[in-house]
């Protein structure tokens, strides 16, 4: 289902991937994805620096 939506958006934009990155929802999803991937590591780095 998500793949179909991405392909449809890609076709609407005329093949421009930047169109997808201009959407606010896409930016929110990318930020949440980055937080889920790197959040634990970032928190552990910050807490270890705070202990010193």
Protein backbone atom coordinates (compact mmCIF):
# COMPACT_ATOMS: atom_id res chain seq x y z
CA UNK A 1 0.00 0.00 0.00
CA UNK A 2 2.76 2.47 0.89
CA UNK A 3 4.73 1.46 -2.18
CA UNK A 4 1.74 2.22 -4.39
CA UNK A 5 1.42 5.67 -2.83
CA UNK A 6 5.11 6.42 -3.33
CA UNK A 7 4.96 5.32 -6.96
CA UNK A 8 1.80 7.37 -7.52
CA UNK A 9 3.40 10.48 -5.97
CA UNK A 10 6.51 9.93 -8.08
CA UNK A 11 4.40 9.77 -11.23
CA UNK A 12 2.44 12.90 -10.29
CA UNK A 13 5.66 14.84 -9.67
CA UNK A 14 6.95 13.99 -13.12
CA UNK A 15 9.84 11.91 -11.83
CA UNK A 16 11.18 14.49 -9.37
CA UNK A 17 12.10 12.93 -6.00
CA UNK A 18 12.46 16.40 -4.47
CA UNK A 19 8.67 16.73 -4.65
CA UNK A 20 8.34 14.05 -1.99
CA UNK A 21 10.82 15.79 0.30
CA UNK A 22 8.93 19.09 0.11
CA UNK A 23 5.87 17.64 1.81
CA UNK A 24 5.62 18.38 5.57
CA UNK A 25 4.38 14.88 6.36
CA UNK A 26 7.42 13.37 4.66
CA UNK A 27 9.76 15.54 6.70
CA UNK A 28 8.02 14.49 9.93
CA UNK A 29 8.28 10.82 8.97
CA UNK A 30 11.98 11.18 8.12
CA UNK A 31 12.67 12.91 11.46
CA UNK A 32 10.83 10.17 13.35
CA UNK A 33 12.76 7.54 11.42
CA UNK A 34 16.08 9.17 12.26
CA UNK A 35 15.08 9.45 15.92
CA UNK A 36 14.16 5.78 16.05
CA UNK A 37 17.43 4.76 14.40
CA UNK A 38 19.82 7.03 16.27
CA UNK A 39 17.88 8.07 19.38
CA UNK A 40 19.26 5.45 21.77
CA UNK A 41 22.84 6.11 20.74
CA UNK A 42 22.40 9.87 21.04
CA UNK A 43 20.83 9.57 24.50
CA UNK A 44 23.62 7.30 25.70
CA UNK A 45 26.26 9.73 24.42
CA UNK A 46 24.57 12.69 26.07
CA UNK A 47 24.10 10.92 29.41
CA UNK A 48 27.70 9.71 29.47
CA UNK A 49 28.94 13.27 28.88
CA UNK A 50 26.64 14.58 31.61
CA UNK A 51 28.10 12.11 34.14
CA UNK A 52 31.67 13.34 33.56
